[in-house]
């Protein structure tokens, strides 16, 4: 168990050498992950690869990964890797026989969180009672099937009236073979609901992609895009002689923001925001009324499973939903 305490400071060495995957598959997976992370950083800081030498970086990275995977390990290192693999397998075996322990990866860092199942259950129950944001679903119908039906009906309606293109319709149509109901996921936030394969997940992503740029433009004067943007704003603040010995830098956090937002109030604020910032009351072919219908659907289908029971969120939106973040930002802006 001491391994978990070490967190990011310790990574078992050379474990891919014991994988049953081919070297090609291992390298491709590692390359895909690293490239995605690097490209994300470049995009965040608005860095473009212009010079030929810069553009050669990604192919060189893949070659380097191949070299590392095919290079023979020193005997001492190989033995150490074998020993650590054995320890990892023993930990996994032990955890499988400890139903009282839950292990989760935290949502904003790449470390494991270990907790007592009973303690989590007690905290979850307390959170649900205090926020009054969740309601147990008592009917005997299939919640997943009902949500899927609601999503399908709305998408077909929007496609028929020309609000969605065929491509958008296909992208948001749930894949029946991979659908699953959202579930309460301790990571370790008690209110984190994971809905990766829920019926309305793609609609939530679509709304986020549609509305987030609009929000960022509206809130540009009071929003920092990234660290560089913050530094530049501070430099300008100093240049304009606003920084004084008495200047205070204050941070704050809104507790339980996503469950605190009144649903109807948030939708009304969203409509006001769109009417104020949209020309001709639409984005492309999607009108404000269509956005409202999609937003309401995402909120109404926030259902999840926990402890062999089904629940529906009746206040605010799910923390794990892409659209909820943008909706909360718009609500706070107004």
Protein backbone atom coordinates (compact mmCIF):
# COMPACT_ATOMS: atom_id res chain seq x y z
CA UNK A 1 0.00 0.00 0.00
CA UNK A 2 2.97 2.29 0.46
CA UNK A 3 3.20 2.48 -3.33
CA UNK A 4 -0.01 4.48 -3.50
CA UNK A 5 1.37 6.99 -1.02
CA UNK A 6 4.30 7.71 -3.36
CA UNK A 7 1.90 9.07 -5.98
CA UNK A 8 3.40 10.72 -9.05
CA UNK A 9 6.90 10.64 -7.60
CA UNK A 10 7.24 6.96 -8.39
CA UNK A 11 6.35 5.01 -11.53
CA UNK A 12 7.12 1.28 -11.89
CA UNK A 13 9.83 0.99 -14.49
CA UNK A 14 9.71 -0.64 -17.92
CA UNK A 15 6.39 -2.40 -17.36
CA UNK A 16 5.54 -2.28 -21.07
CA UNK A 17 8.25 -4.92 -21.59
CA UNK A 18 5.89 -7.48 -20.08
CA UNK A 19 2.90 -6.49 -22.19
CA UNK A 20 1.28 -8.99 -24.55
CA UNK A 21 0.82 -6.22 -27.10
CA UNK A 22 3.14 -5.85 -30.06
CA UNK A 23 5.80 -3.15 -29.98
CA UNK A 24 3.97 -1.35 -32.79
CA UNK A 25 0.76 -1.16 -30.75
CA UNK A 26 2.60 -0.04 -27.61
CA UNK A 27 4.48 2.70 -29.46
CA UNK A 28 1.36 3.88 -31.30
CA UNK A 29 -0.59 4.18 -28.04
CA UNK A 30 2.23 6.00 -26.27
CA UNK A 31 2.76 8.30 -29.24
CA UNK A 32 -0.94 9.09 -29.54
CA UNK A 33 -1.13 10.00 -25.85
CA UNK A 34 2.02 12.13 -25.84
CA UNK A 35 1.11 13.90 -29.06
CA UNK A 36 -2.34 14.73 -27.73
CA UNK A 37 -0.87 16.19 -24.53
CA UNK A 38 1.78 18.22 -26.36
CA UNK A 39 -0.67 19.47 -28.98
CA UNK A 40 -3.08 20.45 -26.22
CA UNK A 41 -0.37 22.53 -24.55
CA UNK A 42 0.50 24.19 -27.86
CA UNK A 43 -3.16 25.00 -28.48
CA UNK A 44 -3.65 26.35 -24.95
CA UNK A 45 -0.77 28.77 -25.40
CA UNK A 46 -1.61 29.49 -29.04
CA UNK A 47 1.75 28.24 -30.27
CA UNK A 48 1.99 27.30 -33.94
CA UNK A 49 4.69 25.06 -35.37
CA UNK A 50 6.09 27.11 -38.24
CA UNK A 51 9.71 26.13 -38.78
CA UNK A 52 10.55 22.83 -40.49
CA UNK A 53 12.63 21.75 -37.50
CA UNK A 54 9.67 22.26 -35.19
CA UNK A 55 7.38 20.21 -37.41
CA UNK A 56 9.87 17.33 -37.33
CA UNK A 57 9.42 17.04 -33.57
CA UNK A 58 6.45 14.66 -33.66
CA UNK A 59 7.98 12.14 -36.11
CA UNK A 60 11.20 12.24 -34.09
CA UNK A 61 9.21 11.53 -30.93
CA UNK A 62 7.78 8.38 -32.49
CA UNK A 63 11.23 7.21 -33.58
CA UNK A 64 12.52 7.79 -30.07
CA UNK A 65 9.70 5.69 -28.60
CA UNK A 66 10.53 2.84 -30.98
CA UNK A 67 14.16 3.06 -29.96
CA UNK A 68 13.29 2.92 -26.27
CA UNK A 69 10.97 -0.06 -26.72
CA UNK A 70 13.41 -2.12 -28.78
CA UNK A 71 16.56 -1.35 -26.81
CA UNK A 72 17.70 -4.23 -24.61
CA UNK A 73 17.43 -3.50 -20.92
CA UNK A 74 20.44 -3.88 -18.63
CA UNK A 75 20.16 -7.05 -16.54
CA UNK A 76 19.85 -5.18 -13.24
CA UNK A 77 17.08 -2.92 -14.56
CA UNK A 78 15.21 -5.88 -16.06
CA UNK A 79 15.27 -7.73 -12.73
CA UNK A 80 14.01 -4.64 -10.95
CA UNK A 81 11.18 -4.26 -13.46
CA UNK A 82 10.23 -7.91 -12.90
CA UNK A 83 10.19 -7.40 -9.14
CA UNK A 84 8.01 -4.30 -9.40
CA UNK A 85 5.62 -6.05 -11.77
CA UNK A 86 5.18 -8.76 -9.16
CA UNK A 87 4.42 -6.13 -6.52
CA UNK A 88 1.82 -4.47 -8.76
CA UNK A 89 0.12 -7.79 -9.45
CA UNK A 90 0.03 -8.57 -5.72
CA UNK A 91 -1.54 -5.17 -4.99
CA UNK A 92 -4.21 -5.77 -7.63
CA UNK A 93 -4.91 -9.22 -6.20
CA UNK A 94 -5.16 -7.83 -2.69
CA UNK A 95 -7.57 -5.07 -3.72
CA UNK A 96 -9.85 -7.56 -5.44
CA UNK A 97 -10.31 -9.27 -2.10
CA UNK A 98 -10.92 -6.04 -0.17
CA UNK A 99 -14.48 -4.89 -0.91
CA UNK A 100 -14.17 -2.35 1.91
CA UNK A 101 -11.58 -0.37 -0.08
CA UNK A 102 -12.31 1.80 -3.10
CA UNK A 103 -9.53 3.05 -5.38
CA UNK A 104 -10.17 5.92 -7.78
CA UNK A 105 -8.03 8.22 -9.86
CA UNK A 106 -8.55 11.85 -8.96
CA UNK A 107 -10.08 14.09 -11.62
CA UNK A 108 -7.52 16.91 -11.66
CA UNK A 109 -4.31 14.99 -11.06
CA UNK A 110 -2.95 11.62 -12.05
CA UNK A 111 -2.77 10.01 -8.65
CA UNK A 112 -4.86 7.36 -6.97
CA UNK A 113 -7.20 8.07 -4.11
CA UNK A 114 -7.86 5.28 -1.64
CA UNK A 115 -10.86 5.43 0.62
CA UNK A 116 -13.15 3.42 2.80
CA UNK A 117 -16.36 2.39 1.03
CA UNK A 118 -18.52 2.91 4.11
CA UNK A 119 -17.10 6.39 4.68
CA UNK A 120 -17.81 7.38 1.08
CA UNK A 121 -21.37 6.06 1.31
CA UNK A 122 -21.95 8.09 4.47
CA UNK A 123 -20.58 11.26 2.88
CA UNK A 124 -22.59 10.72 -0.30
CA UNK A 125 -25.79 10.32 1.68
CA UNK A 126 -25.04 13.48 3.65
CA UNK A 127 -24.29 15.41 0.46
CA UNK A 128 -27.54 14.33 -1.19
CA UNK A 129 -29.56 15.36 1.86
CA UNK A 130 -27.84 18.74 2.24
CA UNK A 131 -28.06 19.79 -1.42
CA UNK A 132 -31.52 18.34 -2.12
CA UNK A 133 -30.32 18.09 -5.70
CA UNK A 134 -31.09 14.42 -6.28
CA UNK A 135 -34.27 12.41 -6.30
CA UNK A 136 -34.59 8.65 -6.33
CA UNK A 137 -36.41 7.29 -9.37
CA UNK A 138 -39.13 5.01 -8.07
CA UNK A 139 -40.84 3.86 -11.28
CA UNK A 140 -40.05 0.42 -12.66
CA UNK A 141 -39.24 1.56 -16.18
CA UNK A 142 -35.78 1.41 -17.73
CA UNK A 143 -34.19 4.81 -17.08
CA UNK A 144 -31.55 4.36 -19.77
CA UNK A 145 -34.15 3.40 -22.37
CA UNK A 146 -36.36 6.35 -21.45
CA UNK A 147 -33.48 8.82 -21.75
CA UNK A 148 -32.47 7.29 -25.07
CA UNK A 149 -36.01 7.73 -26.37
CA UNK A 150 -36.08 11.40 -25.34
CA UNK A 151 -32.76 12.06 -27.05
CA UNK A 152 -33.79 10.26 -30.24
CA UNK A 153 -37.11 12.12 -30.49
CA UNK A 154 -35.46 15.51 -30.06
CA UNK A 155 -32.66 14.85 -32.55
CA UNK A 156 -35.09 13.59 -35.20
CA UNK A 157 -37.26 16.66 -34.67
CA UNK A 158 -34.30 19.04 -35.05
CA UNK A 159 -33.08 17.20 -38.15
CA UNK A 160 -36.52 17.28 -39.75
CA UNK A 161 -36.88 21.05 -39.29
CA UNK A 162 -33.38 21.67 -40.65
CA UNK A 163 -31.83 22.85 -37.39
CA UNK A 164 -29.21 20.10 -37.57
CA UNK A 165 -27.20 18.85 -40.50
CA UNK A 166 -27.04 15.14 -41.24
CA UNK A 167 -23.47 15.08 -39.95
CA UNK A 168 -24.41 16.78 -36.68
CA UNK A 169 -27.33 14.40 -36.28
CA UNK A 170 -25.10 11.36 -36.72
CA UNK A 171 -22.49 12.71 -34.32
CA UNK A 172 -25.04 13.28 -31.55
CA UNK A 173 -27.02 10.09 -32.10
CA UNK A 174 -26.19 7.72 -29.21
CA UNK A 175 -24.42 4.48 -30.04
CA UNK A 176 -26.72 1.84 -28.63
CA UNK A 177 -23.96 -0.76 -28.33
CA UNK A 178 -21.93 1.39 -25.92
CA UNK A 179 -24.62 3.19 -23.91
CA UNK A 180 -24.58 3.11 -20.15
CA UNK A 181 -26.22 5.10 -17.41
CA UNK A 182 -24.07 7.65 -15.62
CA UNK A 183 -22.76 6.69 -12.20
CA UNK A 184 -21.61 8.49 -9.10
CA UNK A 185 -17.84 8.35 -9.21
CA UNK A 186 -15.78 9.16 -6.11
CA UNK A 187 -12.59 10.85 -7.34
CA UNK A 188 -12.77 11.91 -4.47
CA UNK A 189 -15.48 14.54 -5.02
CA UNK A 190 -18.78 13.09 -3.94
CA UNK A 191 -20.80 15.00 -6.50
CA UNK A 192 -18.80 13.95 -9.55
CA UNK A 193 -21.12 12.08 -11.93
CA UNK A 194 -19.44 10.28 -14.80
CA UNK A 195 -21.61 10.18 -17.93
CA UNK A 196 -19.17 9.30 -20.69
CA UNK A 197 -21.61 6.99 -22.49
CA UNK A 198 -24.95 8.47 -21.42
CA UNK A 199 -27.55 9.12 -24.18
CA UNK A 200 -27.26 12.93 -24.00
CA UNK A 201 -23.47 13.10 -23.66
CA UNK A 202 -22.84 14.11 -27.27
CA UNK A 203 -25.57 16.75 -27.13
CA UNK A 204 -23.90 18.14 -24.02
CA UNK A 205 -20.56 18.31 -25.85
CA UNK A 206 -22.22 19.91 -28.86
CA UNK A 207 -23.80 22.64 -26.72
CA UNK A 208 -20.51 23.25 -24.97
CA UNK A 209 -18.65 23.61 -28.28
CA UNK A 210 -21.41 25.88 -29.56
CA UNK A 211 -21.75 28.17 -26.54
CA UNK A 212 -18.32 28.20 -24.86
CA UNK A 213 -16.71 30.45 -27.54
CA UNK A 214 -19.68 32.81 -27.25
CA UNK A 215 -19.23 33.00 -23.49
CA UNK A 216 -15.47 33.58 -23.78
CA UNK A 217 -16.04 36.50 -26.14
CA UNK A 218 -18.64 38.00 -23.83
CA UNK A 219 -16.47 37.56 -20.74
CA UNK A 220 -13.11 38.33 -22.35
CA UNK A 221 -12.43 41.40 -20.23
CA UNK A 222 -12.82 39.46 -16.99
CA UNK A 223 -11.49 36.04 -18.02
CA UNK A 224 -7.95 34.70 -18.23
CA UNK A 225 -7.50 32.14 -20.99
CA UNK A 226 -4.25 30.68 -19.67
CA UNK A 227 -1.17 31.47 -17.62
CA UNK A 228 0.42 33.64 -20.31
CA UNK A 229 -2.76 35.69 -20.57
CA UNK A 230 -2.68 36.24 -16.80
CA UNK A 231 0.97 37.34 -16.84
CA UNK A 232 0.31 39.78 -19.68
CA UNK A 233 -2.66 41.24 -17.82
CA UNK A 234 -0.54 41.69 -14.69
CA UNK A 235 2.22 43.37 -16.70
CA UNK A 236 -0.32 45.78 -18.16
CA UNK A 237 -1.71 46.37 -14.67
CA UNK A 238 1.78 47.29 -13.44
CA UNK A 239 2.54 49.44 -16.50
CA UNK A 240 -0.63 51.45 -15.88
CA UNK A 241 0.60 52.05 -12.33
CA UNK A 242 -2.34 50.26 -10.73
CA UNK A 243 -0.23 47.91 -8.61
CA UNK A 244 0.13 49.42 -5.14
CA UNK A 245 1.48 48.16 -1.81
CA UNK A 246 -2.15 47.96 -0.70
CA UNK A 247 -3.28 45.91 -3.72
CA UNK A 248 -5.00 42.68 -2.73
CA UNK A 249 -5.13 39.52 -4.84
CA UNK A 250 -8.21 37.55 -3.89
CA UNK A 251 -9.39 34.12 -4.93
CA UNK A 252 -12.67 32.47 -4.03
CA UNK A 253 -14.65 29.38 -4.85
CA UNK A 254 -18.40 28.87 -5.05
CA UNK A 255 -19.29 25.83 -3.01
CA UNK A 256 -21.45 23.26 -4.81
CA UNK A 257 -21.90 25.62 -7.76
CA UNK A 258 -23.33 23.05 -10.16
CA UNK A 259 -26.01 21.89 -7.73
CA UNK A 260 -26.69 25.39 -6.40
CA UNK A 261 -27.90 26.78 -9.73
CA UNK A 262 -31.70 26.79 -10.04
CA UNK A 263 -32.58 24.92 -13.20
CA UNK A 264 -35.35 27.16 -14.49
CA UNK A 265 -33.43 30.27 -13.52
CA UNK A 266 -30.35 29.04 -15.35
CA UNK A 267 -32.34 28.37 -18.52
CA UNK A 268 -33.90 31.83 -18.35
CA UNK A 269 -30.46 33.42 -17.92
CA UNK A 270 -29.22 31.35 -20.87
CA UNK A 271 -32.03 32.67 -23.07
CA UNK A 272 -31.29 36.26 -22.04
CA UNK A 273 -27.60 35.73 -22.75
CA UNK A 274 -28.29 34.30 -26.21
CA UNK A 275 -30.76 37.05 -27.11
CA UNK A 276 -28.16 39.62 -26.11
CA UNK A 277 -25.18 38.12 -27.95
CA UNK A 278 -26.64 36.38 -31.01
CA UNK A 279 -27.41 38.05 -34.30
CA UNK A 280 -30.78 37.06 -35.75
CA UNK A 281 -31.35 34.88 -32.65
CA UNK A 282 -29.50 31.87 -34.01
CA UNK A 283 -26.08 30.25 -34.46
CA UNK A 284 -25.89 28.93 -37.98
CA UNK A 285 -29.15 27.08 -38.52
CA UNK A 286 -29.79 26.53 -34.81
CA UNK A 287 -32.23 28.96 -33.25
CA UNK A 288 -32.40 29.97 -29.61
CA UNK A 289 -35.50 27.85 -29.08
CA UNK A 290 -33.63 24.79 -30.39
CA UNK A 291 -30.73 25.47 -28.03
CA UNK A 292 -33.20 25.77 -25.16
CA UNK A 293 -34.76 22.40 -26.01
CA UNK A 294 -31.36 20.73 -26.16
CA UNK A 295 -30.23 22.36 -22.92
CA UNK A 296 -33.37 21.28 -21.09
CA UNK A 297 -32.96 17.74 -22.37
CA UNK A 298 -29.38 17.53 -21.10
CA UNK A 299 -30.52 18.70 -17.66
CA UNK A 300 -33.62 16.50 -17.57
CA UNK A 301 -31.69 13.33 -18.44
CA UNK A 302 -29.08 13.75 -15.70
CA UNK A 303 -29.76 10.31 -14.25
CA UNK A 304 -27.28 7.99 -12.62
CA UNK A 305 -26.94 4.74 -10.73
CA UNK A 306 -25.64 4.44 -7.20
CA UNK A 307 -25.86 1.59 -4.70
CA UNK A 308 -28.32 -0.40 -6.83
CA UNK A 309 -30.69 2.57 -7.06
CA UNK A 310 -31.45 5.12 -9.77
CA UNK A 311 -31.38 8.85 -9.16
CA UNK A 312 -32.23 11.95 -11.16
CA UNK A 313 -30.64 15.34 -10.59
CA UNK A 314 -33.41 17.88 -10.04
CA UNK A 315 -31.26 20.95 -9.28
CA UNK A 316 -28.47 22.33 -11.41
CA UNK A 317 -26.50 20.07 -13.71
CA UNK A 318 -24.10 17.17 -13.50
CA UNK A 319 -20.51 18.11 -12.77
CA UNK A 320 -19.30 15.57 -15.32
CA UNK A 321 -21.33 17.14 -18.14
CA UNK A 322 -19.50 19.40 -20.61
CA UNK A 323 -22.48 21.73 -21.05
CA UNK A 324 -22.98 22.22 -17.30
CA UNK A 325 -19.68 24.07 -17.00
CA UNK A 326 -20.63 26.56 -19.71
CA UNK A 327 -24.14 26.97 -18.31
CA UNK A 328 -22.70 27.70 -14.86
CA UNK A 329 -20.30 30.26 -16.33
CA UNK A 330 -23.10 32.04 -18.18
CA UNK A 331 -25.25 32.01 -15.04
CA UNK A 332 -22.44 33.53 -12.95
CA UNK A 333 -21.68 36.12 -15.64
CA UNK A 334 -25.20 37.46 -15.48
